[in-house]
Amino acid sequence: MTQTKILVDSNSYFRLAQNIHPLLSEPFGEEQYTLYPHKDLTFEFKRKARLRNKFHWFTEPKFVENRKRFLRIGKKEQAEIEDNFEHIWAYIKDNRLNPLEVDTRILAAALALDVPVVTDDRDMREVAALFEIHCIGTLELMKMMLDAKHIKMAKVRQVAAQWQYDNDWPYGGWQKEYNKLFGEKPPKE
């Protein structure tokens, strides 16, 4: 069966990968959902001291190995990604919106490849909606994984507890969506 490819942005990767391993390149569910990182993930990590300090596990060999596979992109698709990037980036600049260049590259790739992107970044989601790019939140992704029996509820709780411990929540009010999706309040750290 053909994979249903999904791009994972950096914020969702950092919120999930430490506790759900291997996170990437492992098909799950009837749809064979398969998560892939964007090629700029490592560059973004190396560039930002805050990420290096907070997510020290990122450089451990098992995580490095899991990030080696990217979506295959042909020359035609690469050209389309670049065109999309220029168009989306110009729109962002003209309208003084907040997504970063790396976020825009992820959106451009998702649009060209017609794949969803996992992100909790509000600004990214707003721009994605304008360009009809399908977004999935981190909680939605965990629900998909749970429903496909790719993870157990204990793992969902572990991830949510880690967010509490790290003071790194997907967005304000995430607890309400957690309760709605999983039928319980999120755990305390």
N, C-alpha and C. Protein backbone atom coordinates (compact mmCIF):
# COMPACT_ATOMS: atom_id res chain seq x y z
N MET A 1 0.84 -1.19 0.00
CA MET A 1 0.00 0.00 0.00
C MET A 1 0.88 1.25 0.00
N THR A 2 0.42 2.27 -0.68
CA THR A 2 1.15 3.52 -0.77
C THR A 2 1.09 4.27 0.55
N GLN A 3 2.20 4.91 0.89
CA GLN A 3 2.26 5.72 2.10
C GLN A 3 1.42 6.99 1.94
N THR A 4 0.88 7.45 3.06
CA THR A 4 0.30 8.78 3.14
C THR A 4 1.33 9.61 3.88
N LYS A 5 2.07 10.40 3.13
CA LYS A 5 3.20 11.16 3.69
C LYS A 5 2.71 12.40 4.41
N ILE A 6 3.40 12.71 5.51
CA ILE A 6 3.08 13.87 6.33
C ILE A 6 4.39 14.54 6.73
N LEU A 7 4.49 15.85 6.50
CA LEU A 7 5.66 16.62 6.94
C LEU A 7 5.47 17.04 8.39
N VAL A 8 6.53 16.99 9.17
CA VAL A 8 6.48 17.40 10.57
C VAL A 8 7.35 18.63 10.74
N ASP A 9 6.79 19.71 11.26
CA ASP A 9 7.62 20.90 11.47
C ASP A 9 8.41 20.74 12.76
N SER A 10 9.31 21.68 12.99
CA SER A 10 10.24 21.54 14.12
C SER A 10 9.53 21.54 15.47
N ASN A 11 8.54 22.42 15.68
CA ASN A 11 7.94 22.47 17.02
C ASN A 11 7.25 21.16 17.36
N SER A 12 6.59 20.55 16.41
CA SER A 12 5.93 19.26 16.67
C SER A 12 6.96 18.15 16.83
N TYR A 13 8.01 18.19 16.03
CA TYR A 13 9.07 17.19 16.16
C TYR A 13 9.64 17.23 17.58
N PHE A 14 10.00 18.41 18.04
CA PHE A 14 10.61 18.52 19.37
C PHE A 14 9.64 18.12 20.48
N ARG A 15 8.36 18.31 20.27
CA ARG A 15 7.39 17.92 21.30
C ARG A 15 7.12 16.42 21.34
N LEU A 16 7.41 15.72 20.26
CA LEU A 16 7.05 14.30 20.19
C LEU A 16 8.23 13.34 20.16
N ALA A 17 9.29 13.68 19.48
CA ALA A 17 10.32 12.70 19.13
C ALA A 17 11.03 12.07 20.32
N GLN A 18 11.19 12.80 21.40
CA GLN A 18 11.90 12.23 22.55
C GLN A 18 11.11 11.07 23.16
N ASN A 19 9.79 11.18 23.18
CA ASN A 19 8.96 10.17 23.84
C ASN A 19 8.34 9.15 22.89
N ILE A 20 8.16 9.51 21.63
CA ILE A 20 7.63 8.57 20.65
C ILE A 20 8.77 8.28 19.67
N HIS A 21 9.47 7.20 19.94
CA HIS A 21 10.64 6.87 19.12
C HIS A 21 10.56 5.42 18.67
N PRO A 22 10.80 5.17 17.40
CA PRO A 22 11.09 6.15 16.35
C PRO A 22 9.82 6.86 15.90
N LEU A 23 9.92 8.17 15.73
CA LEU A 23 8.77 8.97 15.31
C LEU A 23 8.62 8.98 13.80
N LEU A 24 9.74 9.07 13.11
CA LEU A 24 9.73 9.30 11.66
C LEU A 24 9.88 8.01 10.87
N SER A 25 9.38 8.04 9.65
CA SER A 25 9.57 6.96 8.66
C SER A 25 9.00 5.61 9.07
N GLU A 26 8.08 5.60 10.01
CA GLU A 26 7.45 4.36 10.47
C GLU A 26 5.97 4.40 10.11
N PRO A 27 5.55 3.73 9.05
CA PRO A 27 4.14 3.78 8.65
C PRO A 27 3.22 3.25 9.77
N PHE A 28 2.05 3.88 9.88
CA PHE A 28 1.06 3.41 10.85
C PHE A 28 -0.34 3.62 10.30
N GLY A 29 -1.26 2.80 10.78
CA GLY A 29 -2.66 2.90 10.39
C GLY A 29 -2.93 2.34 9.01
N GLU A 30 -4.21 2.18 8.71
CA GLU A 30 -4.62 1.67 7.40
C GLU A 30 -4.13 2.54 6.26
N GLU A 31 -4.03 3.84 6.53
CA GLU A 31 -3.59 4.79 5.50
C GLU A 31 -2.07 4.80 5.33
N GLN A 32 -1.37 4.03 6.16
CA GLN A 32 0.10 4.00 6.12
C GLN A 32 0.69 5.41 6.27
N TYR A 33 0.16 6.15 7.26
CA TYR A 33 0.69 7.49 7.55
C TYR A 33 2.16 7.35 7.88
N THR A 34 2.97 8.18 7.26
CA THR A 34 4.41 8.14 7.48
C THR A 34 4.91 9.57 7.65
N LEU A 35 5.56 9.82 8.77
CA LEU A 35 6.03 11.16 9.11
C LEU A 35 7.45 11.39 8.60
N TYR A 36 7.66 12.57 8.06
CA TYR A 36 8.98 12.95 7.55
C TYR A 36 9.35 14.33 8.08
N PRO A 37 10.65 14.52 8.38
CA PRO A 37 11.10 15.86 8.78
C PRO A 37 11.34 16.71 7.54
N HIS A 38 11.37 18.00 7.72
CA HIS A 38 11.81 18.88 6.64
C HIS A 38 13.33 18.90 6.67
N LYS A 39 13.95 19.07 5.53
CA LYS A 39 15.41 19.01 5.44
C LYS A 39 16.11 20.09 6.25
N ASP A 40 15.41 21.17 6.63
CA ASP A 40 16.03 22.26 7.39
C ASP A 40 15.96 22.07 8.90
N LEU A 41 15.43 20.95 9.38
CA LEU A 41 15.28 20.73 10.82
C LEU A 41 16.62 20.80 11.55
N THR A 42 17.61 20.10 11.06
CA THR A 42 18.92 20.09 11.73
C THR A 42 19.56 21.46 11.66
N PHE A 43 19.44 22.13 10.52
CA PHE A 43 19.97 23.48 10.38
C PHE A 43 19.34 24.41 11.41
N GLU A 44 18.03 24.32 11.58
CA GLU A 44 17.33 25.16 12.55
C GLU A 44 17.82 24.87 13.97
N PHE A 45 18.02 23.59 14.29
CA PHE A 45 18.51 23.21 15.61
C PHE A 45 19.90 23.80 15.86
N LYS A 46 20.78 23.66 14.90
CA LYS A 46 22.16 24.16 15.06
C LYS A 46 22.21 25.68 15.17
N ARG A 47 21.28 26.34 14.54
CA ARG A 47 21.25 27.80 14.50
C ARG A 47 20.72 28.43 15.78
N LYS A 48 19.90 27.71 16.53
CA LYS A 48 19.22 28.30 17.69
C LYS A 48 19.72 27.70 19.00
N ALA A 49 20.40 28.53 19.78
CA ALA A 49 20.94 28.09 21.07
C ALA A 49 19.83 27.59 21.99
N ARG A 50 18.67 28.23 21.95
CA ARG A 50 17.55 27.81 22.81
C ARG A 50 17.17 26.36 22.54
N LEU A 51 17.14 25.98 21.28
CA LEU A 51 16.81 24.59 20.93
C LEU A 51 17.92 23.64 21.38
N ARG A 52 19.16 24.04 21.18
CA ARG A 52 20.29 23.17 21.58
C ARG A 52 20.30 22.95 23.09
N ASN A 53 19.97 23.97 23.85
CA ASN A 53 19.96 23.84 25.31
C ASN A 53 18.77 23.04 25.82
N LYS A 54 17.63 23.21 25.19
CA LYS A 54 16.41 22.57 25.68
C LYS A 54 16.27 21.12 25.22
N PHE A 55 16.74 20.83 24.01
CA PHE A 55 16.53 19.51 23.42
C PHE A 55 17.87 18.81 23.16
N HIS A 56 18.64 18.65 24.21
CA HIS A 56 19.98 18.06 24.12
C HIS A 56 19.95 16.65 23.51
N TRP A 57 18.85 15.94 23.65
CA TRP A 57 18.72 14.57 23.13
C TRP A 57 18.76 14.53 21.61
N PHE A 58 18.52 15.66 20.94
CA PHE A 58 18.44 15.74 19.48
C PHE A 58 19.69 15.16 18.80
N THR A 59 20.84 15.29 19.44
CA THR A 59 22.11 14.84 18.83
C THR A 59 22.46 13.39 19.18
N GLU A 60 21.63 12.73 19.98
CA GLU A 60 21.90 11.32 20.30
C GLU A 60 21.77 10.49 19.02
N PRO A 61 22.64 9.49 18.85
CA PRO A 61 22.68 8.72 17.60
C PRO A 61 21.33 8.15 17.15
N LYS A 62 20.51 7.66 18.07
CA LYS A 62 19.24 7.07 17.64
C LYS A 62 18.30 8.10 17.02
N PHE A 63 18.36 9.35 17.48
CA PHE A 63 17.53 10.40 16.90
C PHE A 63 18.11 10.89 15.58
N VAL A 64 19.43 10.99 15.53
CA VAL A 64 20.09 11.38 14.27
C VAL A 64 19.76 10.36 13.19
N GLU A 65 19.86 9.09 13.53
CA GLU A 65 19.57 8.02 12.56
C GLU A 65 18.12 8.09 12.08
N ASN A 66 17.20 8.36 12.98
CA ASN A 66 15.78 8.41 12.62
C ASN A 66 15.44 9.59 11.71
N ARG A 67 16.28 10.63 11.71
CA ARG A 67 16.02 11.81 10.88
C ARG A 67 16.70 11.74 9.51
N LYS A 68 17.31 10.65 9.17
CA LYS A 68 18.07 10.57 7.91
C LYS A 68 17.21 10.50 6.66
N ARG A 69 15.99 10.04 6.78
CA ARG A 69 15.13 9.89 5.60
C ARG A 69 14.23 11.10 5.43
N PHE A 70 14.29 11.66 4.24
CA PHE A 70 13.46 12.81 3.88
C PHE A 70 12.54 12.40 2.74
N LEU A 71 11.57 13.23 2.46
CA LEU A 71 10.72 13.00 1.30
C LEU A 71 11.57 13.11 0.04
N ARG A 72 11.36 12.20 -0.89
CA ARG A 72 12.06 12.29 -2.17
C ARG A 72 11.41 13.38 -3.00
N ILE A 73 12.25 14.27 -3.48
CA ILE A 73 11.74 15.41 -4.23
C ILE A 73 12.49 15.49 -5.56
N GLY A 74 11.75 15.38 -6.64
CA GLY A 74 12.33 15.48 -7.97
C GLY A 74 12.60 16.93 -8.36
N LYS A 75 13.26 17.10 -9.50
CA LYS A 75 13.61 18.45 -9.96
C LYS A 75 12.37 19.31 -10.20
N LYS A 76 11.36 18.71 -10.81
CA LYS A 76 10.12 19.45 -11.09
C LYS A 76 9.45 19.89 -9.78
N GLU A 77 9.39 18.97 -8.81
CA GLU A 77 8.79 19.30 -7.51
C GLU A 77 9.61 20.36 -6.78
N GLN A 78 10.95 20.25 -6.89
CA GLN A 78 11.82 21.23 -6.23
C GLN A 78 11.58 22.62 -6.81
N ALA A 79 11.42 22.70 -8.12
CA ALA A 79 11.14 23.99 -8.76
C ALA A 79 9.79 24.54 -8.28
N GLU A 80 8.81 23.66 -8.14
CA GLU A 80 7.50 24.08 -7.65
C GLU A 80 7.58 24.55 -6.20
N ILE A 81 8.39 23.86 -5.40
CA ILE A 81 8.59 24.27 -4.00
C ILE A 81 9.18 25.67 -3.96
N GLU A 82 10.19 25.92 -4.78
CA GLU A 82 10.83 27.24 -4.81
C GLU A 82 9.84 28.31 -5.25
N ASP A 83 9.04 28.02 -6.27
CA ASP A 83 8.03 28.98 -6.72
C ASP A 83 7.02 29.25 -5.61
N ASN A 84 6.57 28.18 -4.95
CA ASN A 84 5.63 28.34 -3.83
C ASN A 84 6.24 29.18 -2.72
N PHE A 85 7.51 28.89 -2.42
CA PHE A 85 8.18 29.64 -1.36
C PHE A 85 8.20 31.13 -1.70
N GLU A 86 8.62 31.47 -2.90
CA GLU A 86 8.69 32.88 -3.30
C GLU A 86 7.33 33.55 -3.17
N HIS A 87 6.30 32.87 -3.61
CA HIS A 87 4.94 33.42 -3.57
C HIS A 87 4.45 33.58 -2.12
N ILE A 88 4.59 32.53 -1.32
CA ILE A 88 4.12 32.58 0.07
C ILE A 88 4.94 33.59 0.87
N TRP A 89 6.27 33.58 0.67
CA TRP A 89 7.15 34.49 1.42
C TRP A 89 6.81 35.95 1.08
N ALA A 90 6.57 36.24 -0.19
CA ALA A 90 6.19 37.60 -0.59
C ALA A 90 4.88 38.01 0.09
N TYR A 91 3.93 37.09 0.14
CA TYR A 91 2.65 37.36 0.79
C TYR A 91 2.86 37.65 2.28
N ILE A 92 3.70 36.86 2.92
CA ILE A 92 3.98 37.05 4.35
C ILE A 92 4.60 38.41 4.59
N LYS A 93 5.59 38.77 3.78
CA LYS A 93 6.27 40.06 3.94
C LYS A 93 5.32 41.22 3.65
N ASP A 94 4.58 41.12 2.55
CA ASP A 94 3.66 42.20 2.17
C ASP A 94 2.59 42.45 3.23
N ASN A 95 2.18 41.39 3.92
CA ASN A 95 1.12 41.50 4.91
C ASN A 95 1.63 41.52 6.35
N ARG A 96 2.95 41.58 6.48
CA ARG A 96 3.61 41.66 7.80
C ARG A 96 3.15 40.56 8.74
N LEU A 97 3.17 39.35 8.22
CA LEU A 97 2.81 38.18 9.01
C LEU A 97 4.06 37.62 9.68
N ASN A 98 3.88 36.67 10.59
CA ASN A 98 4.97 36.23 11.45
C ASN A 98 5.72 34.95 11.09
N PRO A 99 5.24 34.08 10.24
CA PRO A 99 6.02 32.86 10.01
C PRO A 99 7.45 33.15 9.57
N LEU A 100 8.36 32.34 10.06
CA LEU A 100 9.77 32.47 9.71
C LEU A 100 10.03 31.88 8.33
N GLU A 101 11.20 32.15 7.82
CA GLU A 101 11.57 31.63 6.50
C GLU A 101 11.53 30.10 6.48
N VAL A 102 12.05 29.46 7.53
CA VAL A 102 12.06 27.99 7.57
C VAL A 102 10.63 27.44 7.61
N ASP A 103 9.74 28.12 8.32
CA ASP A 103 8.33 27.70 8.36
C ASP A 103 7.69 27.83 6.97
N THR A 104 8.05 28.89 6.29
CA THR A 104 7.53 29.12 4.94
C THR A 104 8.01 28.05 3.98
N ARG A 105 9.25 27.61 4.14
CA ARG A 105 9.78 26.54 3.28
C ARG A 105 9.00 25.23 3.51
N ILE A 106 8.65 24.97 4.75
CA ILE A 106 7.86 23.77 5.05
C ILE A 106 6.48 23.86 4.39
N LEU A 107 5.85 25.02 4.51
CA LEU A 107 4.54 25.21 3.88
C LEU A 107 4.64 25.09 2.36
N ALA A 108 5.70 25.65 1.78
CA ALA A 108 5.89 25.58 0.33
C ALA A 108 6.05 24.13 -0.13
N ALA A 109 6.78 23.34 0.65
CA ALA A 109 6.96 21.92 0.31
C ALA A 109 5.64 21.17 0.44
N ALA A 110 4.92 21.42 1.50
CA ALA A 110 3.63 20.74 1.71
C ALA A 110 2.66 21.05 0.57
N LEU A 111 2.66 22.30 0.13
CA LEU A 111 1.77 22.70 -0.97
C LEU A 111 2.17 22.02 -2.27
N ALA A 112 3.46 22.02 -2.58
CA ALA A 112 3.93 21.41 -3.83
C ALA A 112 3.71 19.90 -3.86
N LEU A 113 3.92 19.26 -2.72
CA LEU A 113 3.83 17.80 -2.64
C LEU A 113 2.42 17.32 -2.29
N ASP A 114 1.54 18.27 -1.99
CA ASP A 114 0.16 17.97 -1.60
C ASP A 114 0.12 16.99 -0.42
N VAL A 115 0.88 17.35 0.62
CA VAL A 115 0.91 16.55 1.84
C VAL A 115 0.55 17.45 3.02
N PRO A 116 -0.04 16.88 4.07
CA PRO A 116 -0.32 17.68 5.26
C PRO A 116 0.97 17.99 6.01
N VAL A 117 0.90 19.00 6.85
CA VAL A 117 2.02 19.34 7.71
C VAL A 117 1.53 19.36 9.15
N VAL A 118 2.32 18.76 10.04
CA VAL A 118 2.00 18.77 11.47
C VAL A 118 2.65 20.00 12.08
N THR A 119 1.84 20.87 12.63
CA THR A 119 2.36 22.06 13.29
C THR A 119 1.34 22.57 14.30
N ASP A 120 1.85 23.18 15.35
CA ASP A 120 1.00 23.85 16.33
C ASP A 120 1.20 25.36 16.25
N ASP A 121 2.08 25.80 15.37
CA ASP A 121 2.41 27.21 15.22
C ASP A 121 1.19 27.95 14.64
N ARG A 122 0.62 28.83 15.43
CA ARG A 122 -0.60 29.54 15.03
C ARG A 122 -0.39 30.34 13.74
N ASP A 123 0.73 31.04 13.64
CA ASP A 123 0.99 31.85 12.45
C ASP A 123 1.13 30.98 11.21
N MET A 124 1.81 29.86 11.36
CA MET A 124 1.94 28.93 10.24
C MET A 124 0.59 28.40 9.81
N ARG A 125 -0.24 28.07 10.78
CA ARG A 125 -1.57 27.52 10.47
C ARG A 125 -2.44 28.56 9.76
N GLU A 126 -2.31 29.82 10.14
CA GLU A 126 -3.08 30.88 9.49
C GLU A 126 -2.66 31.02 8.02
N VAL A 127 -1.36 31.04 7.77
CA VAL A 127 -0.87 31.14 6.39
C VAL A 127 -1.26 29.89 5.61
N ALA A 128 -1.14 28.74 6.24
CA ALA A 128 -1.51 27.48 5.57
C ALA A 128 -2.98 27.53 5.13
N ALA A 129 -3.84 28.04 5.97
CA ALA A 129 -5.27 28.13 5.62
C ALA A 129 -5.48 29.02 4.40
N LEU A 130 -4.73 30.10 4.31
CA LEU A 130 -4.86 31.01 3.17
C LEU A 130 -4.48 30.34 1.85
N PHE A 131 -3.51 29.42 1.93
CA PHE A 131 -3.02 28.74 0.72
C PHE A 131 -3.58 27.31 0.60
N GLU A 132 -4.58 27.00 1.42
CA GLU A 132 -5.25 25.70 1.40
C GLU A 132 -4.28 24.53 1.59
N ILE A 133 -3.38 24.70 2.56
CA ILE A 133 -2.45 23.65 2.94
C ILE A 133 -3.02 22.98 4.19
N HIS A 134 -3.17 21.67 4.13
CA HIS A 134 -3.78 20.93 5.24
C HIS A 134 -2.81 20.84 6.41
N CYS A 135 -3.26 21.25 7.59
CA CYS A 135 -2.45 21.17 8.80
C CYS A 135 -3.10 20.22 9.80
N ILE A 136 -2.25 19.55 10.53
CA ILE A 136 -2.65 18.65 11.61
C ILE A 136 -1.92 19.13 12.85
N GLY A 137 -2.63 19.25 13.96
CA GLY A 137 -1.98 19.61 15.21
C GLY A 137 -1.32 18.40 15.86
N THR A 138 -0.41 18.66 16.77
CA THR A 138 0.30 17.59 17.47
C THR A 138 -0.67 16.68 18.22
N LEU A 139 -1.67 17.26 18.86
CA LEU A 139 -2.66 16.44 19.56
C LEU A 139 -3.46 15.58 18.58
N GLU A 140 -3.84 16.16 17.45
CA GLU A 140 -4.56 15.39 16.42
C GLU A 140 -3.70 14.23 15.93
N LEU A 141 -2.42 14.49 15.74
CA LEU A 141 -1.52 13.43 15.29
C LEU A 141 -1.45 12.30 16.32
N MET A 142 -1.33 12.66 17.59
CA MET A 142 -1.30 11.61 18.61
C MET A 142 -2.60 10.82 18.64
N LYS A 143 -3.72 11.49 18.39
CA LYS A 143 -5.01 10.79 18.34
C LYS A 143 -5.03 9.82 17.16
N MET A 144 -4.50 10.24 16.01
CA MET A 144 -4.41 9.35 14.85
C MET A 144 -3.56 8.13 15.19
N MET A 145 -2.44 8.36 15.88
CA MET A 145 -1.54 7.27 16.26
C MET A 145 -2.22 6.32 17.24
N LEU A 146 -2.94 6.89 18.20
CA LEU A 146 -3.65 6.08 19.19
C LEU A 146 -4.74 5.24 18.51
N ASP A 147 -5.53 5.87 17.66
CA ASP A 147 -6.60 5.15 16.96
C ASP A 147 -6.06 4.03 16.09
N ALA A 148 -4.86 4.22 15.55
CA ALA A 148 -4.23 3.21 14.69
C ALA A 148 -3.46 2.17 15.51
N LYS A 149 -3.52 2.31 16.84
CA LYS A 149 -2.80 1.41 17.76
C LYS A 149 -1.28 1.45 17.53
N HIS A 150 -0.81 2.60 17.07
CA HIS A 150 0.63 2.83 16.89
C HIS A 150 1.27 3.20 18.22
N ILE A 151 0.48 3.87 19.07
CA ILE A 151 0.89 4.18 20.44
C ILE A 151 -0.27 3.84 21.36
N LYS A 152 0.04 3.74 22.64
CA LYS A 152 -0.97 3.47 23.66
C LYS A 152 -1.28 4.77 24.42
N MET A 153 -2.36 4.76 25.16
CA MET A 153 -2.76 5.94 25.92
C MET A 153 -1.68 6.33 26.92
N ALA A 154 -0.97 5.38 27.45
CA ALA A 154 0.12 5.68 28.39
C ALA A 154 1.16 6.58 27.72
N LYS A 155 1.41 6.38 26.44
CA LYS A 155 2.38 7.19 25.70
C LYS A 155 1.85 8.62 25.51
N VAL A 156 0.56 8.74 25.23
CA VAL A 156 -0.06 10.07 25.10
C VAL A 156 0.11 10.83 26.41
N ARG A 157 -0.17 10.16 27.52
CA ARG A 157 -0.03 10.79 28.84
C ARG A 157 1.42 11.18 29.10
N GLN A 158 2.34 10.31 28.71
CA GLN A 158 3.77 10.58 28.91
C GLN A 158 4.19 11.85 28.15
N VAL A 159 3.75 11.97 26.91
CA VAL A 159 4.07 13.15 26.11
C VAL A 159 3.49 14.40 26.75
N ALA A 160 2.23 14.35 27.15
CA ALA A 160 1.58 15.51 27.77
C ALA A 160 2.28 15.89 29.08
N ALA A 161 2.69 14.92 29.86
CA ALA A 161 3.41 15.19 31.10
C ALA A 161 4.76 15.85 30.80
N GLN A 162 5.41 15.41 29.73
CA GLN A 162 6.68 16.01 29.32
C GLN A 162 6.49 17.48 28.94
N TRP A 163 5.40 17.78 28.24
CA TRP A 163 5.11 19.17 27.89
C TRP A 163 4.97 20.03 29.15
N GLN A 164 4.26 19.48 30.14
CA GLN A 164 4.07 20.21 31.40
C GLN A 164 5.42 20.44 32.07
N TYR A 165 6.23 19.40 32.11
CA TYR A 165 7.54 19.48 32.75
C TYR A 165 8.43 20.51 32.05
N ASP A 166 8.39 20.50 30.72
CA ASP A 166 9.23 21.41 29.92
C ASP A 166 8.64 22.82 29.79
N ASN A 167 7.42 23.02 30.29
CA ASN A 167 6.72 24.29 30.06
C ASN A 167 6.68 24.62 28.56
N ASP A 168 6.35 23.63 27.76
CA ASP A 168 6.34 23.76 26.30
C ASP A 168 5.04 23.17 25.77
N TRP A 169 3.98 23.97 25.81
CA TRP A 169 2.67 23.50 25.39
C TRP A 169 2.44 23.82 23.92
N PRO A 170 1.61 23.03 23.26
CA PRO A 170 1.35 23.29 21.84
C PRO A 170 0.74 24.67 21.59
N TYR A 171 -0.15 25.11 22.48
CA TYR A 171 -0.81 26.41 22.35
C TYR A 171 -1.66 26.60 23.59
N GLY A 172 -2.07 27.83 23.83
CA GLY A 172 -2.93 28.11 24.97
C GLY A 172 -4.25 27.36 24.83
N GLY A 173 -4.71 26.78 25.91
CA GLY A 173 -5.97 26.05 25.90
C GLY A 173 -5.89 24.64 25.35
N TRP A 174 -4.68 24.12 25.18
CA TRP A 174 -4.51 22.77 24.62
C TRP A 174 -5.16 21.71 25.50
N GLN A 175 -5.26 21.99 26.81
CA GLN A 175 -5.83 21.01 27.73
C GLN A 175 -7.28 20.67 27.36
N LYS A 176 -8.02 21.68 26.89
CA LYS A 176 -9.41 21.46 26.51
C LYS A 176 -9.49 20.51 25.31
N GLU A 177 -8.63 20.72 24.32
CA GLU A 177 -8.63 19.82 23.16
C GLU A 177 -8.17 18.42 23.55
N TYR A 178 -7.19 18.34 24.45
CA TYR A 178 -6.72 17.05 24.95
C TYR A 178 -7.89 16.28 25.55
N ASN A 179 -8.65 16.96 26.41
CA ASN A 179 -9.80 16.35 27.06
C ASN A 179 -10.83 15.89 26.03
N LYS A 180 -11.08 16.71 25.03
CA LYS A 180 -12.05 16.37 23.98
C LYS A 180 -11.58 15.16 23.17
N LEU A 181 -10.31 15.13 22.80
CA LEU A 181 -9.79 14.04 21.96
C LEU A 181 -9.62 12.73 22.71
N PHE A 182 -9.17 12.83 23.98
CA PHE A 182 -8.79 11.62 24.71
C PHE A 182 -9.72 11.27 25.87
N GLY A 183 -10.72 12.11 26.12
CA GLY A 183 -11.72 11.78 27.13
C GLY A 183 -11.24 11.85 28.56
N GLU A 184 -10.17 12.60 28.79
CA GLU A 184 -9.66 12.78 30.14
C GLU A 184 -8.84 14.06 30.20
N LYS A 185 -8.62 14.54 31.40
CA LYS A 185 -7.78 15.72 31.57
C LYS A 185 -6.33 15.31 31.39
N PRO A 186 -5.49 16.23 30.89
CA PRO A 186 -4.08 15.88 30.75
C PRO A 186 -3.43 15.67 32.12
N PRO A 187 -2.43 14.80 32.17
CA PRO A 187 -1.76 14.56 33.44
C PRO A 187 -0.91 15.75 33.85
N LYS A 188 -0.66 15.84 35.13
CA LYS A 188 0.31 16.82 35.63
C LYS A 188 1.68 16.19 35.40
N GLU A 189 2.71 17.01 35.47
CA GLU A 189 4.05 16.46 35.26
C GLU A 189 4.33 15.43 36.31
